[in-house]
Amino acid sequence: MSAVTDNPSGKLTIAFFKCDSLQKESIEKHGEYQDVIHNLFEPLLPKHLTLETLTYDVLEKREYPKDEELEKIDAIVISGSFEDEAHSDTRWILKLAGFLIKIYDEYPRIRILGICFGLQVIARAFGPSQIRKNPNGWEVGSTRMDLTEIGKSIIWGEDKKSAKEPENLKDDVTMQQIHSDIVSEVPSDFHLLGKSEICPVQGIVAYHPEDHRPPAFTHSHHHTLPSEPWHEDILIPFIDNYEKKGTFDSEFAEKAREQSKKEHDGERIGRVLLRVLGVA
């Protein structure tokens, strides 16, 4: 059963693993990564639930939940990161991957959600899966993801009946992105959610063990997406910074800014992530 369902306090407790910081301009307007995630989830929760977000700086401070804290945590959300690549053998990434394996082995009721870099580090931890630079270049801004049958069921299914009829659901979803690394293959025991024009693995899911399933129809243990749940005014400062550093030339940067202003399904993705927890 879901820990949320069993919790008499009516509280959803998320451990947010902070792997980087947003740009200064974005922090001043929207707060840090964890504030953006909290503000995405909170309005979508059922009225009987409250949201508690516990932040752990796994990059700078190497902070992780203690065992007694894990007893009350319902899910772990892993942020994006521009500090290191997920395939790097830096200590903080190796420690993060090892901790995720510990959660899977010792705390199977805890859901693990990865966003962007979070997708990549989950794929690395539970591989085999190669993380590498995308030979087709960067994906930036609002990007279409063509969905598999499983992807359609999870993202657009409203209930058990519609989830079992993916042929009647939308074939794609649009998400804000900014990344140049990709997961090149789907890890063992995971299923592909979808792909884009230049990225073959745009989201993956692993189903939860039978004896620890939540009451929601998705039954996901690990759910990972490349999408950042950002407004354009959070994404554009990253684009500006990359242009200043020379990572993007002016023409690409301008196209990226325009792409980031296009419509996307960010709120829908927020609902999907909560559904994985069995609470939306």
C-alpha atoms as a PDB file:
ATOM      1  CA  MET A   1       0.000   0.000   0.000  1.00  0.00           C
ATOM      2  CA  SER A   2       0.996   3.608  -0.345  1.00  0.00           C
ATOM      3  CA  ALA A   3       2.694   5.206   2.619  1.00  0.00           C
ATOM      4  CA  VAL A   4       0.616   8.299   1.911  1.00  0.00           C
ATOM      5  CA  THR A   5      -2.605   6.343   2.239  1.00  0.00           C
ATOM      6  CA  ASP A   6      -1.417   4.759   5.467  1.00  0.00           C
ATOM      7  CA  ASN A   7      -0.247   8.029   6.993  1.00  0.00           C
ATOM      8  CA  PRO A   8      -2.895   9.340   9.424  1.00  0.00           C
ATOM      9  CA  SER A   9      -1.353  12.824   9.330  1.00  0.00           C
ATOM     10  CA  GLY A  10      -2.591  13.341   5.757  1.00  0.00           C
ATOM     11  CA  LYS A  11       0.849  14.565   4.727  1.00  0.00           C
ATOM     12  CA  LEU A  12       2.869  13.842   1.600  1.00  0.00           C
ATOM     13  CA  THR A  13       6.569  14.059   2.463  1.00  0.00           C
ATOM     14  CA  ILE A  14       9.015  14.495  -0.404  1.00  0.00           C
ATOM     15  CA  ALA A  15      12.782  14.403  -0.071  1.00  0.00           C
ATOM     16  CA  PHE A  16      14.141  16.750  -2.717  1.00  0.00           C
ATOM     17  CA  PHE A  17      17.695  15.929  -3.769  1.00  0.00           C
ATOM     18  CA  LYS A  18      19.199  19.228  -4.871  1.00  0.00           C
ATOM     19  CA  CYS A  19      21.922  18.609  -7.448  1.00  0.00           C
ATOM     20  CA  ASP A  20      22.476  22.225  -8.545  1.00  0.00           C
ATOM     21  CA  SER A  21      21.084  25.746  -8.233  1.00  0.00           C
ATOM     22  CA  LEU A  22      18.927  27.830 -10.524  1.00  0.00           C
ATOM     23  CA  GLN A  23      20.223  31.067 -12.016  1.00  0.00           C
ATOM     24  CA  LYS A  24      20.210  34.114  -9.711  1.00  0.00           C
ATOM     25  CA  GLU A  25      17.460  35.873 -11.682  1.00  0.00           C
ATOM     26  CA  SER A  26      15.187  32.854 -11.354  1.00  0.00           C
ATOM     27  CA  ILE A  27      15.846  32.411  -7.636  1.00  0.00           C
ATOM     28  CA  GLU A  28      14.883  36.022  -6.965  1.00  0.00           C
ATOM     29  CA  LYS A  29      11.513  35.497  -8.650  1.00  0.00           C
ATOM     30  CA  HIS A  30      10.639  31.845  -8.034  1.00  0.00           C
ATOM     31  CA  GLY A  31      12.940  30.588  -5.291  1.00  0.00           C
ATOM     32  CA  GLU A  32      15.286  27.619  -5.606  1.00  0.00           C
ATOM     33  CA  TYR A  33      14.734  24.260  -7.318  1.00  0.00           C
ATOM     34  CA  GLN A  34      12.894  22.838  -4.328  1.00  0.00           C
ATOM     35  CA  ASP A  35      10.520  25.825  -4.200  1.00  0.00           C
ATOM     36  CA  VAL A  36       9.631  25.389  -7.874  1.00  0.00           C
ATOM     37  CA  ILE A  37       8.839  21.701  -7.335  1.00  0.00           C
ATOM     38  CA  HIS A  38       6.847  22.417  -4.161  1.00  0.00           C
ATOM     39  CA  ASN A  39       4.840  25.111  -5.943  1.00  0.00           C
ATOM     40  CA  LEU A  40       4.174  22.758  -8.856  1.00  0.00           C
ATOM     41  CA  PHE A  41       2.870  19.932  -6.666  1.00  0.00           C
ATOM     42  CA  GLU A  42       1.023  21.737  -3.881  1.00  0.00           C
ATOM     43  CA  PRO A  43      -1.926  23.166  -5.893  1.00  0.00           C
ATOM     44  CA  LEU A  44      -2.500  19.762  -7.499  1.00  0.00           C
ATOM     45  CA  LEU A  45      -2.826  17.770  -4.263  1.00  0.00           C
ATOM     46  CA  PRO A  46      -6.189  16.445  -3.067  1.00  0.00           C
ATOM     47  CA  LYS A  47      -7.672  18.672  -0.375  1.00  0.00           C
ATOM     48  CA  HIS A  48      -7.100  16.136   2.396  1.00  0.00           C
ATOM     49  CA  LEU A  49      -3.318  16.153   1.878  1.00  0.00           C
ATOM     50  CA  THR A  50      -0.634  18.655   2.787  1.00  0.00           C
ATOM     51  CA  LEU A  51       2.842  18.756   1.280  1.00  0.00           C
ATOM     52  CA  GLU A  52       6.135  18.756   3.154  1.00  0.00           C
ATOM     53  CA  THR A  53       9.333  19.173   1.122  1.00  0.00           C
ATOM     54  CA  LEU A  54      12.619  18.226   2.791  1.00  0.00           C
ATOM     55  CA  THR A  55      15.669  19.484   0.889  1.00  0.00           C
ATOM     56  CA  TYR A  56      18.984  17.629   0.825  1.00  0.00           C
ATOM     57  CA  ASP A  57      21.957  19.255  -0.890  1.00  0.00           C
ATOM     58  CA  VAL A  58      23.603  16.161  -2.368  1.00  0.00           C
ATOM     59  CA  LEU A  59      26.042  18.219  -4.461  1.00  0.00           C
ATOM     60  CA  GLU A  60      27.774  20.684  -2.138  1.00  0.00           C
ATOM     61  CA  LYS A  61      26.996  19.277   1.316  1.00  0.00           C
ATOM     62  CA  ARG A  62      26.565  15.568   0.488  1.00  0.00           C
ATOM     63  CA  GLU A  63      23.374  15.569   2.571  1.00  0.00           C
ATOM     64  CA  TYR A  64      21.167  12.473   2.642  1.00  0.00           C
ATOM     65  CA  PRO A  65      18.211  11.384   4.791  1.00  0.00           C
ATOM     66  CA  LYS A  66      19.064   9.383   7.875  1.00  0.00           C
ATOM     67  CA  ASP A  67      17.309   6.058   8.395  1.00  0.00           C
ATOM     68  CA  GLU A  68      14.844   7.556  10.862  1.00  0.00           C
ATOM     69  CA  GLU A  69      13.952  10.252   8.323  1.00  0.00           C
ATOM     70  CA  LEU A  70      13.424   7.680   5.590  1.00  0.00           C
ATOM     71  CA  GLU A  71      10.682   6.111   7.688  1.00  0.00           C
ATOM     72  CA  LYS A  72       8.442   9.139   7.048  1.00  0.00           C
ATOM     73  CA  ILE A  73       9.504   9.980   3.481  1.00  0.00           C
ATOM     74  CA  ASP A  74       7.078   8.991   0.715  1.00  0.00           C
ATOM     75  CA  ALA A  75       9.156   9.894  -2.328  1.00  0.00           C
ATOM     76  CA  ILE A  76      12.512  11.158  -3.509  1.00  0.00           C
ATOM     77  CA  VAL A  77      12.694  13.736  -6.309  1.00  0.00           C
ATOM     78  CA  ILE A  78      16.078  14.234  -7.988  1.00  0.00           C
ATOM     79  CA  SER A  79      16.619  17.625  -9.611  1.00  0.00           C
ATOM     80  CA  GLY A  80      18.371  18.607 -12.800  1.00  0.00           C
ATOM     81  CA  SER A  81      22.036  19.562 -12.690  1.00  0.00           C
ATOM     82  CA  PHE A  82      24.548  21.452 -14.802  1.00  0.00           C
ATOM     83  CA  GLU A  83      27.430  20.825 -12.409  1.00  0.00           C
ATOM     84  CA  ASP A  84      28.612  17.474 -13.764  1.00  0.00           C
ATOM     85  CA  GLU A  85      27.508  14.941 -16.327  1.00  0.00           C
ATOM     86  CA  ALA A  86      25.669  11.892 -15.008  1.00  0.00           C
ATOM     87  CA  HIS A  87      28.269   9.581 -16.537  1.00  0.00           C
ATOM     88  CA  SER A  88      31.096  11.299 -14.618  1.00  0.00           C
ATOM     89  CA  ASP A  89      32.876   9.317 -11.911  1.00  0.00           C
ATOM     90  CA  THR A  90      32.840  12.215  -9.465  1.00  0.00           C
ATOM     91  CA  ARG A  91      32.294  11.222  -5.844  1.00  0.00           C
ATOM     92  CA  TRP A  92      29.000  13.009  -5.393  1.00  0.00           C
ATOM     93  CA  ILE A  93      27.445  11.266  -8.406  1.00  0.00           C
ATOM     94  CA  LEU A  94      28.736   7.848  -7.362  1.00  0.00           C
ATOM     95  CA  LYS A  95      27.382   8.406  -3.845  1.00  0.00           C
ATOM     96  CA  LEU A  96      24.001   9.490  -5.230  1.00  0.00           C
ATOM     97  CA  ALA A  97      23.737   6.421  -7.463  1.00  0.00           C
ATOM     98  CA  GLY A  98      24.675   4.169  -4.554  1.00  0.00           C
ATOM     99  CA  PHE A  99      22.079   5.772  -2.284  1.00  0.00           C
ATOM    100  CA  LEU A 100      19.338   5.175  -4.858  1.00  0.00           C
ATOM    101  CA  ILE A 101      20.242   1.493  -4.940  1.00  0.00           C
ATOM    102  CA  LYS A 102      20.008   1.426  -1.129  1.00  0.00           C
ATOM    103  CA  ILE A 103      16.507   2.921  -1.299  1.00  0.00           C
ATOM    104  CA  TYR A 104      15.417   0.333  -3.846  1.00  0.00           C
ATOM    105  CA  ASP A 105      16.784  -2.548  -1.740  1.00  0.00           C
ATOM    106  CA  GLU A 106      15.882  -1.390   1.778  1.00  0.00           C
ATOM    107  CA  TYR A 107      12.924   1.010   1.377  1.00  0.00           C
ATOM    108  CA  PRO A 108      10.885  -0.313  -1.555  1.00  0.00           C
ATOM    109  CA  ARG A 109       7.791   1.699  -0.617  1.00  0.00           C
ATOM    110  CA  ILE A 110       9.624   4.990  -1.392  1.00  0.00           C
ATOM    111  CA  ARG A 111       9.040   6.230  -4.928  1.00  0.00           C
ATOM    112  CA  ILE A 112      11.976   7.703  -6.861  1.00  0.00           C
ATOM    113  CA  LEU A 113      11.288  10.460  -9.386  1.00  0.00           C
ATOM    114  CA  GLY A 114      14.036  11.877 -11.607  1.00  0.00           C
ATOM    115  CA  ILE A 115      13.920  15.033 -13.707  1.00  0.00           C
ATOM    116  CA  CYS A 116      16.442  15.679 -16.495  1.00  0.00           C
ATOM    117  CA  PHE A 117      19.805  14.882 -14.810  1.00  0.00           C
ATOM    118  CA  GLY A 118      17.711  12.845 -12.360  1.00  0.00           C
ATOM    119  CA  LEU A 119      16.603  10.620 -15.256  1.00  0.00           C
ATOM    120  CA  GLN A 120      20.212  10.065 -16.261  1.00  0.00           C
ATOM    121  CA  VAL A 121      21.526   9.208 -12.799  1.00  0.00           C
ATOM    122  CA  ILE A 122      18.655   6.749 -12.231  1.00  0.00           C
ATOM    123  CA  ALA A 123      19.462   5.089 -15.554  1.00  0.00           C
ATOM    124  CA  ARG A 124      23.092   4.879 -14.481  1.00  0.00           C
ATOM    125  CA  ALA A 125      22.268   3.452 -11.047  1.00  0.00           C
ATOM    126  CA  PHE A 126      19.856   0.804 -12.333  1.00  0.00           C
ATOM    127  CA  GLY A 127      21.463   0.183 -15.751  1.00  0.00           C
ATOM    128  CA  PRO A 128      23.102  -1.122 -17.755  1.00  0.00           C
ATOM    129  CA  SER A 129      22.576   2.075 -19.705  1.00  0.00           C
ATOM    130  CA  GLN A 130      25.087   4.391 -21.347  1.00  0.00           C
ATOM    131  CA  ILE A 131      24.872   8.132 -20.672  1.00  0.00           C
ATOM    132  CA  ARG A 132      26.549  10.203 -23.381  1.00  0.00           C
ATOM    133  CA  LYS A 133      26.548  13.456 -25.290  1.00  0.00           C
ATOM    134  CA  ASN A 134      23.764  13.662 -27.828  1.00  0.00           C
ATOM    135  CA  PRO A 135      25.382  13.599 -31.285  1.00  0.00           C
ATOM    136  CA  ASN A 136      22.382  15.573 -32.532  1.00  0.00           C
ATOM    137  CA  GLY A 137      23.083  18.460 -30.162  1.00  0.00           C
ATOM    138  CA  TRP A 138      21.061  20.286 -27.518  1.00  0.00           C
ATOM    139  CA  GLU A 139      17.328  20.124 -26.872  1.00  0.00           C
ATOM    140  CA  VAL A 140      16.136  23.418 -25.437  1.00  0.00           C
ATOM    141  CA  GLY A 141      12.668  24.791 -24.805  1.00  0.00           C
ATOM    142  CA  SER A 142       9.258  23.312 -25.444  1.00  0.00           C
ATOM    143  CA  THR A 143       9.847  19.895 -27.029  1.00  0.00           C
ATOM    144  CA  ARG A 144       7.443  17.270 -28.352  1.00  0.00           C
ATOM    145  CA  MET A 145       7.793  13.762 -26.935  1.00  0.00           C
ATOM    146  CA  ASP A 146       6.186  10.990 -29.016  1.00  0.00           C
ATOM    147  CA  LEU A 147       4.748   8.463 -26.583  1.00  0.00           C
ATOM    148  CA  THR A 148       4.829   4.686 -26.453  1.00  0.00           C
ATOM    149  CA  GLU A 149       1.662   2.809 -25.523  1.00  0.00           C
ATOM    150  CA  ILE A 150       2.849   2.730 -21.902  1.00  0.00           C
ATOM    151  CA  GLY A 151       3.710   6.427 -22.098  1.00  0.00           C
ATOM    152  CA  LYS A 152       0.234   7.302 -23.357  1.00  0.00           C
ATOM    153  CA  SER A 153      -1.398   5.264 -20.587  1.00  0.00           C
ATOM    154  CA  ILE A 154       0.664   6.870 -17.830  1.00  0.00           C
ATOM    155  CA  ILE A 155       0.623  10.465 -19.034  1.00  0.00           C
ATOM    156  CA  TRP A 156      -2.876  10.801 -20.515  1.00  0.00           C
ATOM    157  CA  GLY A 157      -4.855   7.991 -18.850  1.00  0.00           C
ATOM    158  CA  GLU A 158      -7.339   9.441 -16.369  1.00  0.00           C
ATOM    159  CA  ASP A 159      -8.365   6.183 -14.721  1.00  0.00           C
ATOM    160  CA  LYS A 160      -7.863   2.429 -14.956  1.00  0.00           C
ATOM    161  CA  LYS A 161     -10.236   2.083 -17.901  1.00  0.00           C
ATOM    162  CA  SER A 162      -8.707   4.792 -20.083  1.00  0.00           C
ATOM    163  CA  ALA A 163      -5.174   3.709 -19.163  1.00  0.00           C
ATOM    164  CA  LYS A 164      -5.945   0.279 -20.629  1.00  0.00           C
ATOM    165  CA  GLU A 165      -7.081   1.882 -23.915  1.00  0.00           C
ATOM    166  CA  PRO A 166      -3.986   3.845 -25.041  1.00  0.00           C
ATOM    167  CA  GLU A 167      -5.206   3.820 -28.649  1.00  0.00           C
ATOM    168  CA  ASN A 168      -7.810   6.408 -27.583  1.00  0.00           C
ATOM    169  CA  LEU A 169      -5.274   8.713 -25.888  1.00  0.00           C
ATOM    170  CA  LYS A 170      -3.004  11.477 -27.163  1.00  0.00           C
ATOM    171  CA  ASP A 171       0.133  10.336 -28.966  1.00  0.00           C
ATOM    172  CA  ASP A 172       2.473  13.003 -27.594  1.00  0.00           C
ATOM    173  CA  VAL A 173       3.239  15.421 -24.776  1.00  0.00           C
ATOM    174  CA  THR A 174       5.193  18.691 -24.844  1.00  0.00           C
ATOM    175  CA  MET A 175       7.746  19.533 -22.157  1.00  0.00           C
ATOM    176  CA  GLN A 176      10.301  22.229 -21.352  1.00  0.00           C
ATOM    177  CA  GLN A 177      13.839  20.908 -21.664  1.00  0.00           C
ATOM    178  CA  ILE A 178      17.469  21.968 -21.639  1.00  0.00           C
ATOM    179  CA  HIS A 179      19.992  19.149 -21.998  1.00  0.00           C
ATOM    180  CA  SER A 180      22.737  17.786 -24.236  1.00  0.00           C
ATOM    181  CA  ASP A 181      23.364  14.446 -22.475  1.00  0.00           C
ATOM    182  CA  ILE A 182      21.103  11.504 -23.243  1.00  0.00           C
ATOM    183  CA  VAL A 183      20.286   8.039 -21.988  1.00  0.00           C
ATOM    184  CA  SER A 184      21.165   5.925 -25.011  1.00  0.00           C
ATOM    185  CA  GLU A 185      19.260   2.773 -24.029  1.00  0.00           C
ATOM    186  CA  VAL A 186      16.479   1.763 -21.660  1.00  0.00           C
ATOM    187  CA  PRO A 187      17.879   0.123 -18.480  1.00  0.00           C
ATOM    188  CA  SER A 188      16.920  -3.395 -17.458  1.00  0.00           C
ATOM    189  CA  ASP A 189      13.436  -3.704 -15.873  1.00  0.00           C
ATOM    190  CA  PHE A 190      12.415  -0.247 -17.183  1.00  0.00           C
ATOM    191  CA  HIS A 191       9.979   0.673 -19.928  1.00  0.00           C
ATOM    192  CA  LEU A 192      10.314   3.494 -22.457  1.00  0.00           C
ATOM    193  CA  LEU A 193       7.765   6.304 -22.161  1.00  0.00           C
ATOM    194  CA  GLY A 194       8.663   8.157 -25.330  1.00  0.00           C
ATOM    195  CA  LYS A 195      11.220   9.745 -27.619  1.00  0.00           C
ATOM    196  CA  SER A 196      11.771  13.028 -29.415  1.00  0.00           C
ATOM    197  CA  GLU A 197      13.073  13.850 -32.855  1.00  0.00           C
ATOM    198  CA  ILE A 198      16.717  13.831 -31.697  1.00  0.00           C
ATOM    199  CA  CYS A 199      16.627  11.861 -28.428  1.00  0.00           C
ATOM    200  CA  PRO A 200      15.754   8.135 -28.356  1.00  0.00           C
ATOM    201  CA  VAL A 201      15.009   7.890 -24.610  1.00  0.00           C
ATOM    202  CA  GLN A 202      12.877  10.751 -23.307  1.00  0.00           C
ATOM    203  CA  GLY A 203      11.379   9.055 -20.281  1.00  0.00           C
ATOM    204  CA  ILE A 204      11.420   5.687 -18.512  1.00  0.00           C
ATOM    205  CA  VAL A 205       9.396   3.941 -15.844  1.00  0.00           C
ATOM    206  CA  ALA A 206       9.871   0.855 -13.665  1.00  0.00           C
ATOM    207  CA  TYR A 207       6.854  -0.779 -12.075  1.00  0.00           C
ATOM    208  CA  HIS A 208       6.745  -1.234  -8.348  1.00  0.00           C
ATOM    209  CA  PRO A 209       7.021  -4.623  -6.637  1.00  0.00           C
ATOM    210  CA  GLU A 210       3.604  -6.220  -6.173  1.00  0.00           C
ATOM    211  CA  ASP A 211       3.686  -6.090  -2.386  1.00  0.00           C
ATOM    212  CA  HIS A 212       4.510  -2.382  -2.273  1.00  0.00           C
ATOM    213  CA  ARG A 213       2.225  -0.946  -4.922  1.00  0.00           C
ATOM    214  CA  PRO A 214       0.349   2.321  -4.360  1.00  0.00           C
ATOM    215  CA  PRO A 215      -3.400   2.378  -5.046  1.00  0.00           C
ATOM    216  CA  ALA A 216      -2.947   4.453  -8.236  1.00  0.00           C
ATOM    217  CA  PHE A 217      -3.110   2.670 -11.559  1.00  0.00           C
ATOM    218  CA  THR A 218       0.408   3.625 -12.652  1.00  0.00           C
ATOM    219  CA  HIS A 219       2.182   1.494 -10.004  1.00  0.00           C
ATOM    220  CA  SER A 220       5.508   3.157 -10.734  1.00  0.00           C
ATOM    221  CA  HIS A 221       8.569   2.817  -8.541  1.00  0.00           C
ATOM    222  CA  HIS A 222      10.983   4.861 -10.631  1.00  0.00           C
ATOM    223  CA  HIS A 223       9.516   7.456 -12.965  1.00  0.00           C
ATOM    224  CA  THR A 224      11.906   9.648 -14.893  1.00  0.00           C
ATOM    225  CA  LEU A 225      11.436  12.449 -17.408  1.00  0.00           C
ATOM    226  CA  PRO A 226      13.744  14.872 -19.222  1.00  0.00           C
ATOM    227  CA  SER A 227      11.385  17.725 -18.548  1.00  0.00           C
ATOM    228  CA  GLU A 228      12.098  20.604 -16.220  1.00  0.00           C
ATOM    229  CA  PRO A 229       8.801  21.963 -14.758  1.00  0.00           C
ATOM    230  CA  TRP A 230       9.827  25.516 -15.546  1.00  0.00           C
ATOM    231  CA  HIS A 231       8.284  28.718 -16.756  1.00  0.00           C
ATOM    232  CA  GLU A 232      10.071  30.414 -19.627  1.00  0.00           C
ATOM    233  CA  ASP A 233      11.481  33.006 -17.231  1.00  0.00           C
ATOM    234  CA  ILE A 234      13.270  30.202 -15.365  1.00  0.00           C
ATOM    235  CA  LEU A 235      14.630  28.608 -18.529  1.00  0.00           C
ATOM    236  CA  ILE A 236      15.732  31.790 -20.330  1.00  0.00           C
ATOM    237  CA  PRO A 237      18.391  32.801 -17.738  1.00  0.00           C
ATOM    238  CA  PHE A 238      20.093  29.450 -18.383  1.00  0.00           C
ATOM    239  CA  ILE A 239      20.022  30.170 -22.111  1.00  0.00           C
ATOM    240  CA  ASP A 240      21.448  33.657 -21.523  1.00  0.00           C
ATOM    241  CA  ASN A 241      24.226  32.206 -19.364  1.00  0.00           C
ATOM    242  CA  TYR A 242      25.159  29.608 -21.972  1.00  0.00           C
ATOM    243  CA  GLU A 243      25.284  32.311 -24.624  1.00  0.00           C
ATOM    244  CA  LYS A 244      27.620  34.414 -22.477  1.00  0.00           C
ATOM    245  CA  LYS A 245      29.898  31.409 -21.918  1.00  0.00           C
ATOM    246  CA  GLY A 246      29.957  30.615 -25.630  1.00  0.00           C
ATOM    247  CA  THR A 247      28.166  27.275 -25.301  1.00  0.00           C
ATOM    248  CA  PHE A 248      25.355  28.647 -27.490  1.00  0.00           C
ATOM    249  CA  ASP A 249      25.965  30.999 -30.402  1.00  0.00           C
ATOM    250  CA  SER A 250      23.635  33.976 -30.695  1.00  0.00           C
ATOM    251  CA  GLU A 251      21.486  32.395 -33.407  1.00  0.00           C
ATOM    252  CA  PHE A 252      20.907  29.175 -31.449  1.00  0.00           C
ATOM    253  CA  ALA A 253      20.287  31.119 -28.222  1.00  0.00           C
ATOM    254  CA  GLU A 254      17.615  33.264 -29.854  1.00  0.00           C
ATOM    255  CA  LYS A 255      15.862  30.217 -31.307  1.00  0.00           C
ATOM    256  CA  ALA A 256      16.026  28.549 -27.875  1.00  0.00           C
ATOM    257  CA  ARG A 257      14.418  31.587 -26.209  1.00  0.00           C
ATOM    258  CA  GLU A 258      11.578  31.531 -28.719  1.00  0.00           C
ATOM    259  CA  GLN A 259      11.124  27.784 -28.257  1.00  0.00           C
ATOM    260  CA  SER A 260      10.947  28.181 -24.472  1.00  0.00           C
ATOM    261  CA  LYS A 261       8.018  30.601 -24.862  1.00  0.00           C
ATOM    262  CA  LYS A 262       5.833  28.038 -26.607  1.00  0.00           C
ATOM    263  CA  GLU A 263       3.069  26.152 -24.832  1.00  0.00           C
ATOM    264  CA  HIS A 264       3.896  22.983 -22.907  1.00  0.00           C
ATOM    265  CA  ASP A 265       2.201  20.405 -20.683  1.00  0.00           C
ATOM    266  CA  GLY A 266       4.059  21.208 -17.463  1.00  0.00           C
ATOM    267  CA  GLU A 267       0.978  21.065 -15.254  1.00  0.00           C
ATOM    268  CA  ARG A 268       0.023  17.709 -16.723  1.00  0.00           C
ATOM    269  CA  ILE A 269       3.485  16.355 -15.950  1.00  0.00           C
ATOM    270  CA  GLY A 270       3.062  17.541 -12.363  1.00  0.00           C
ATOM    271  CA  ARG A 271      -0.187  15.578 -12.100  1.00  0.00           C
ATOM    272  CA  VAL A 272       1.467  12.487 -13.575  1.00  0.00           C
ATOM    273  CA  LEU A 273       4.291  12.617 -11.057  1.00  0.00           C
ATOM    274  CA  LEU A 274       1.809  12.885  -8.197  1.00  0.00           C
ATOM    275  CA  ARG A 275      -0.213  10.004  -9.624  1.00  0.00           C
ATOM    276  CA  VAL A 276       2.911   7.856  -9.441  1.00  0.00           C
ATOM    277  CA  LEU A 277       2.735   8.447  -5.681  1.00  0.00           C
ATOM    278  CA  GLY A 278      -0.912   7.352  -5.629  1.00  0.00           C
ATOM    279  CA  VAL A 279      -2.207  10.749  -4.534  1.00  0.00           C
ATOM    280  CA  ALA A 280      -3.562  12.412  -7.705  1.00  0.00           C
END
